[in-house]
Amino acid sequence: MSRYPRIDLRDATVLVTGGAQGIGLATAKAFAAAGAHVAIGDLDFDRARDAAASFGGSAHLLDVSDPDSFADFVAATEDARGRIDVLVNNAGVMPNGGFLDLAPEVDRMTMEVNVFGVVNGMRAVLPGMLARGRGHVVNVAPLAGKFPVKGLAIYNASKFAVVGLTAATRLEYADSGVSITAVLPSAVDTALASGLDMRPIPKVKPAAIAAAVLDSVAHSQAEIAVPRYVGTLAAAATITPEPVLKTMRRLMRDDRALQPDKPERAEYRRRLADQKPRSLS
């Protein structure tokens, strides 16, 4: 039995960042199907508007790295709906390459979007949730927040930060009625991982992540791995002797994120450059 107040998704107000496609869109549709009003925020407003129309929600231009942009997103939704019941911090970027090879501005963008995007969202919605004594925040922090991968050093750092942030704030607000959950997918079959061969790490569909996010509202778990067994494997890796783990990684060919980009991966990185957050302009 959860110690948190129940949130009835029928007529609840849900915010989803990065909601124009992938995990965000699947999550928005899942909440809408459960009866919630869903507002999605995305840097690609045209795509967000089309996505929102497909499930009867609302769309907003959102740069998660900009606190003012996030505050405007929250204020517009509160003006229309009166409150925020659930925030899903889903927006993120995943550049790949050797630690010394990636440009400093790419590193900074990764941290601004993946870490401060989550911080900005939580700071924008938590005061209202705390005042009402009810609310739920989901931070989507793929398993890269617990399991390091060659070629994803800064991405790993950003997701480790989100996992720690989620755990610490969950403790801080444990008696407030507001729950905070980390959803930890393995590799996901979206544009974020396009062109990256992460085998044997399983690639899961966005719908599976959306189902876990939806489930978290009812059960308020601290962490949910998707699929669940990968969380156990990641925990086991932390206590596996390093020589054994190195051998296993070598057999798995865990350096593939360091390899030259496939065309679809190069296209993803080009899109990242085109959608530079306002905070870095």
Protein backbone atom coordinates (compact mmCIF):
# COMPACT_ATOMS: atom_id res chain seq x y z
CA MET A 1 0.00 0.00 0.00
CA SER A 2 1.42 3.37 -1.05
CA ARG A 3 1.79 6.02 1.64
CA TYR A 4 1.15 8.71 -0.95
CA PRO A 5 -2.30 10.18 -1.70
CA ARG A 6 -3.99 8.51 -4.64
CA ILE A 7 -3.98 10.42 -7.92
CA ASP A 8 -7.04 9.72 -10.05
CA LEU A 9 -5.90 9.95 -13.64
CA ARG A 10 -9.42 10.70 -14.80
CA ASP A 11 -9.29 14.46 -15.24
CA ALA A 12 -5.73 14.70 -13.87
CA THR A 13 -3.34 17.21 -15.41
CA VAL A 14 -0.09 15.71 -16.72
CA LEU A 15 2.96 17.44 -18.20
CA VAL A 16 5.31 15.49 -20.47
CA THR A 17 8.57 16.98 -21.74
CA GLY A 18 9.98 15.87 -25.06
CA GLY A 19 6.43 14.78 -25.85
CA ALA A 20 6.45 15.23 -29.61
CA GLN A 21 7.83 11.78 -30.37
CA GLY A 22 9.30 8.57 -28.97
CA ILE A 23 8.87 7.79 -25.27
CA GLY A 24 7.28 11.18 -24.60
CA LEU A 25 4.55 10.76 -27.20
CA ALA A 26 3.83 7.17 -26.14
CA THR A 27 3.59 8.33 -22.53
CA ALA A 28 1.32 11.25 -23.39
CA LYS A 29 -1.03 8.95 -25.31
CA ALA A 30 -1.11 6.46 -22.43
CA PHE A 31 -2.10 9.15 -19.93
CA ALA A 32 -4.69 10.57 -22.32
CA ALA A 33 -6.20 7.10 -22.78
CA ALA A 34 -6.50 6.87 -18.98
CA GLY A 35 -8.57 10.07 -18.95
CA ALA A 36 -5.94 12.67 -18.12
CA HIS A 37 -5.48 16.04 -19.78
CA VAL A 38 -1.95 15.98 -21.16
CA ALA A 39 0.19 18.98 -22.03
CA ILE A 40 3.35 18.23 -23.96
CA GLY A 41 6.36 20.50 -24.24
CA ASP A 42 9.00 20.23 -26.93
CA LEU A 43 11.57 22.31 -28.82
CA ASP A 44 9.88 21.16 -32.05
CA PHE A 45 6.59 22.98 -31.61
CA ASP A 46 5.13 22.04 -35.00
CA ARG A 47 5.63 18.35 -34.32
CA ALA A 48 4.35 18.77 -30.75
CA ARG A 49 1.19 20.49 -32.00
CA ASP A 50 0.49 17.64 -34.44
CA ALA A 51 1.21 15.07 -31.73
CA ALA A 52 -1.11 16.76 -29.21
CA ALA A 53 -3.90 16.88 -31.78
CA SER A 54 -3.68 13.10 -32.14
CA PHE A 55 -4.80 12.53 -28.53
CA GLY A 56 -6.68 15.73 -27.66
CA GLY A 57 -3.97 17.37 -25.55
CA SER A 58 -2.20 20.71 -25.67
CA ALA A 59 1.22 21.58 -27.06
CA HIS A 60 3.76 24.14 -25.90
CA LEU A 61 7.13 25.34 -27.10
CA LEU A 62 9.56 24.25 -24.38
CA ASP A 63 13.30 24.54 -23.90
CA VAL A 64 13.83 22.47 -20.74
CA SER A 65 17.28 23.98 -20.22
CA ASP A 66 15.75 27.43 -19.78
CA PRO A 67 14.06 27.94 -16.36
CA ASP A 68 11.87 30.74 -17.74
CA SER A 69 10.66 28.55 -20.60
CA PHE A 70 9.76 25.78 -18.16
CA ALA A 71 8.04 28.26 -15.82
CA ASP A 72 5.96 29.54 -18.76
CA PHE A 73 4.98 25.96 -19.68
CA VAL A 74 3.83 25.25 -16.12
CA ALA A 75 2.07 28.62 -15.72
CA ALA A 76 0.15 28.24 -18.99
CA THR A 77 -1.07 24.80 -17.97
CA GLU A 78 -1.97 25.89 -14.44
CA ASP A 79 -3.90 28.86 -15.85
CA ALA A 80 -5.87 26.49 -18.04
CA ARG A 81 -6.27 23.59 -15.61
CA GLY A 82 -5.69 24.96 -12.12
CA ARG A 83 -3.03 22.47 -11.04
CA ILE A 84 -0.33 20.02 -12.13
CA ASP A 85 -0.82 16.46 -10.87
CA VAL A 86 2.01 14.66 -12.68
CA LEU A 87 5.24 15.80 -14.33
CA VAL A 88 7.15 13.42 -16.59
CA ASN A 89 10.69 14.69 -17.19
CA ASN A 90 11.45 12.79 -20.38
CA ALA A 91 13.31 15.21 -22.68
CA GLY A 92 16.94 14.30 -23.24
CA VAL A 93 19.86 14.10 -25.67
CA MET A 94 22.46 11.38 -26.17
CA PRO A 95 25.61 12.37 -28.09
CA ASN A 96 28.15 9.58 -28.46
CA GLY A 97 31.91 9.56 -28.98
CA GLY A 98 35.17 9.41 -27.10
CA PHE A 99 35.42 11.60 -23.99
CA LEU A 100 38.23 13.70 -25.49
CA ASP A 101 36.61 13.79 -28.93
CA LEU A 102 33.30 15.46 -28.14
CA ALA A 103 33.24 19.25 -28.26
CA PRO A 104 32.86 21.09 -24.93
CA GLU A 105 29.68 22.75 -26.18
CA VAL A 106 28.16 19.30 -26.79
CA ASP A 107 29.11 18.24 -23.27
CA ARG A 108 27.52 21.37 -21.86
CA MET A 109 24.35 20.89 -23.90
CA THR A 110 24.06 17.33 -22.59
CA MET A 111 24.25 18.47 -18.99
CA GLU A 112 21.95 21.48 -19.55
CA VAL A 113 19.21 19.35 -21.12
CA ASN A 114 19.57 16.05 -19.25
CA VAL A 115 20.34 17.39 -15.77
CA PHE A 116 19.18 20.98 -15.51
CA GLY A 117 16.14 20.24 -17.65
CA VAL A 118 15.02 17.88 -14.88
CA VAL A 119 16.01 20.35 -12.15
CA ASN A 120 14.10 23.16 -13.86
CA GLY A 121 10.98 21.02 -14.20
CA MET A 122 11.02 19.90 -10.58
CA ARG A 123 11.56 23.44 -9.31
CA ALA A 124 8.67 24.66 -11.44
CA VAL A 125 6.07 22.10 -10.28
CA LEU A 126 7.07 21.08 -6.76
CA PRO A 127 5.93 24.25 -4.92
CA GLY A 128 2.36 23.76 -6.13
CA MET A 129 2.39 20.04 -5.46
CA LEU A 130 3.79 20.54 -1.96
CA ALA A 131 1.19 23.20 -1.18
CA ARG A 132 -1.58 20.76 -2.16
CA GLY A 133 0.09 17.81 -0.43
CA ARG A 134 -0.26 15.70 -3.56
CA GLY A 135 1.62 15.10 -6.80
CA HIS A 136 3.95 12.79 -8.66
CA VAL A 137 7.17 13.39 -10.61
CA VAL A 138 8.72 10.84 -12.95
CA ASN A 139 12.31 11.32 -14.10
CA VAL A 140 13.16 9.12 -17.07
CA ALA A 141 16.81 8.21 -16.54
CA PRO A 142 17.81 5.25 -18.69
CA LEU A 143 19.91 2.50 -17.20
CA ALA A 144 22.92 4.57 -18.29
CA GLY A 145 22.30 6.25 -14.93
CA LYS A 146 23.61 3.13 -13.25
CA PHE A 147 25.70 1.30 -15.85
CA PRO A 148 28.59 3.11 -17.62
CA VAL A 149 29.22 2.59 -21.33
CA LYS A 150 32.32 3.49 -23.34
CA GLY A 151 31.59 6.34 -25.71
CA LEU A 152 28.79 7.74 -23.55
CA ALA A 153 30.80 9.25 -20.69
CA ILE A 154 29.04 12.62 -20.45
CA TYR A 155 25.64 11.05 -21.13
CA ASN A 156 26.38 8.55 -18.34
CA ALA A 157 27.37 11.42 -16.05
CA SER A 158 24.13 13.25 -16.76
CA LYS A 159 21.97 10.21 -16.07
CA PHE A 160 23.89 9.22 -12.93
CA ALA A 161 23.12 12.76 -11.75
CA VAL A 162 19.40 12.35 -12.44
CA VAL A 163 19.27 9.03 -10.57
CA GLY A 164 20.96 10.66 -7.57
CA LEU A 165 18.76 13.74 -7.75
CA THR A 166 15.64 11.58 -7.85
CA ALA A 167 16.71 9.46 -4.88
CA ALA A 168 17.69 12.45 -2.73
CA THR A 169 14.57 14.51 -3.43
CA ARG A 170 12.38 11.46 -2.87
CA LEU A 171 13.85 11.24 0.63
CA GLU A 172 13.54 14.97 1.19
CA TYR A 173 9.83 15.05 0.35
CA ALA A 174 8.89 11.58 1.64
CA ASP A 175 6.39 12.94 4.16
CA SER A 176 4.93 15.63 1.93
CA GLY A 177 2.48 13.56 -0.11
CA VAL A 178 4.57 14.12 -3.26
CA SER A 179 6.24 11.06 -4.78
CA ILE A 180 9.28 11.08 -7.07
CA THR A 181 10.18 8.06 -9.20
CA ALA A 182 13.02 7.19 -11.57
CA VAL A 183 12.06 5.07 -14.57
CA LEU A 184 15.16 3.32 -15.91
CA PRO A 185 14.78 1.90 -19.42
CA SER A 186 17.47 -0.15 -21.09
CA ALA A 187 18.24 0.89 -24.68
CA VAL A 188 15.05 2.25 -26.26
CA ASP A 189 13.99 1.94 -29.88
CA THR A 190 13.76 5.68 -30.59
CA ALA A 191 15.69 8.38 -32.45
CA LEU A 192 17.81 8.91 -29.32
CA ALA A 193 19.55 5.55 -29.85
CA SER A 194 19.37 5.55 -33.65
CA GLY A 195 22.38 3.96 -35.30
CA LEU A 196 23.80 2.58 -32.03
CA ASP A 197 24.15 -1.18 -31.67
CA MET A 198 23.81 -1.77 -27.94
CA ARG A 199 23.49 -5.58 -28.01
CA PRO A 200 23.15 -7.61 -25.84
CA ILE A 201 21.38 -4.81 -23.93
CA PRO A 202 17.72 -5.27 -24.95
CA LYS A 203 16.02 -2.52 -26.94
CA VAL A 204 12.51 -1.87 -25.67
CA LYS A 205 9.62 -0.10 -27.33
CA PRO A 206 8.41 3.32 -26.14
CA ALA A 207 5.06 1.79 -25.21
CA ALA A 208 6.77 -0.36 -22.56
CA ILE A 209 8.31 2.73 -20.96
CA ALA A 210 4.98 4.54 -21.12
CA ALA A 211 3.31 1.64 -19.29
CA ALA A 212 5.94 1.81 -16.53
CA VAL A 213 5.49 5.57 -16.14
CA LEU A 214 1.72 5.14 -15.91
CA ASP A 215 2.12 2.34 -13.37
CA SER A 216 4.38 4.51 -11.23
CA VAL A 217 1.52 6.91 -10.50
CA ALA A 218 -0.46 4.18 -8.75
CA HIS A 219 2.42 2.47 -6.95
CA SER A 220 4.96 5.28 -6.41
CA GLN A 221 8.02 3.03 -6.54
CA ALA A 222 11.42 4.63 -6.05
CA GLU A 223 12.86 3.06 -9.23
CA ILE A 224 11.40 1.03 -12.08
CA ALA A 225 13.74 -0.70 -14.54
CA VAL A 226 12.35 -1.62 -17.97
CA PRO A 227 12.55 -4.52 -18.49
CA ARG A 228 12.72 -5.17 -14.76
CA TYR A 229 15.51 -7.76 -14.92
CA VAL A 230 18.03 -5.25 -16.28
CA GLY A 231 17.91 -3.42 -12.98
CA THR A 232 19.05 -6.59 -11.24
CA LEU A 233 21.86 -7.02 -13.78
CA ALA A 234 23.04 -3.43 -13.30
CA ALA A 235 23.09 -3.92 -9.53
CA ALA A 236 25.02 -7.16 -9.91
CA ALA A 237 27.62 -5.41 -12.07
CA THR A 238 28.54 -3.12 -9.16
CA ILE A 239 29.70 -6.09 -7.06
CA THR A 240 31.29 -8.12 -9.87
CA PRO A 241 35.12 -8.21 -9.65
CA GLU A 242 36.63 -5.82 -12.19
CA PRO A 243 38.68 -8.46 -14.10
CA VAL A 244 35.52 -10.54 -14.59
CA LEU A 245 33.50 -7.50 -15.63
CA LYS A 246 36.20 -6.43 -18.11
CA THR A 247 36.15 -9.85 -19.74
CA MET A 248 32.37 -9.79 -19.97
CA ARG A 249 32.41 -6.30 -21.49
CA ARG A 250 35.03 -7.35 -24.05
CA LEU A 251 32.94 -10.35 -25.07
CA MET A 252 29.93 -8.04 -25.37
CA ARG A 253 31.95 -5.62 -27.56
CA ASP A 254 31.02 -2.74 -25.31
CA ASP A 255 33.01 -0.18 -27.31
CA ARG A 256 30.49 0.15 -30.12
CA ALA A 257 29.43 3.67 -29.10
CA LEU A 258 33.03 4.67 -29.90
CA GLN A 259 32.82 3.39 -33.48
CA PRO A 260 32.34 5.67 -36.52
CA ASP A 261 28.77 6.84 -36.90
CA LYS A 262 26.30 5.05 -39.11
CA PRO A 263 24.35 7.40 -41.41
CA GLU A 264 21.29 7.45 -39.14
CA ARG A 265 23.48 8.29 -36.13
CA ALA A 266 25.14 11.13 -38.01
CA GLU A 267 21.69 12.46 -38.86
CA TYR A 268 20.68 12.40 -35.18
CA ARG A 269 23.78 14.38 -34.23
CA ARG A 270 23.07 16.88 -37.00
CA ARG A 271 19.57 17.42 -35.59
CA LEU A 272 21.04 18.00 -32.14
CA ALA A 273 23.22 20.76 -33.53
CA ASP A 274 20.18 22.36 -35.20
CA GLN A 275 18.14 22.33 -31.97
CA LYS A 276 20.64 24.00 -29.67
CA PRO A 277 18.94 25.03 -26.41
CA ARG A 278 18.33 28.73 -25.79
CA SER A 279 20.63 28.63 -22.75
CA LEU A 280 23.61 27.94 -25.02
CA SER A 281 22.78 30.49 -27.71
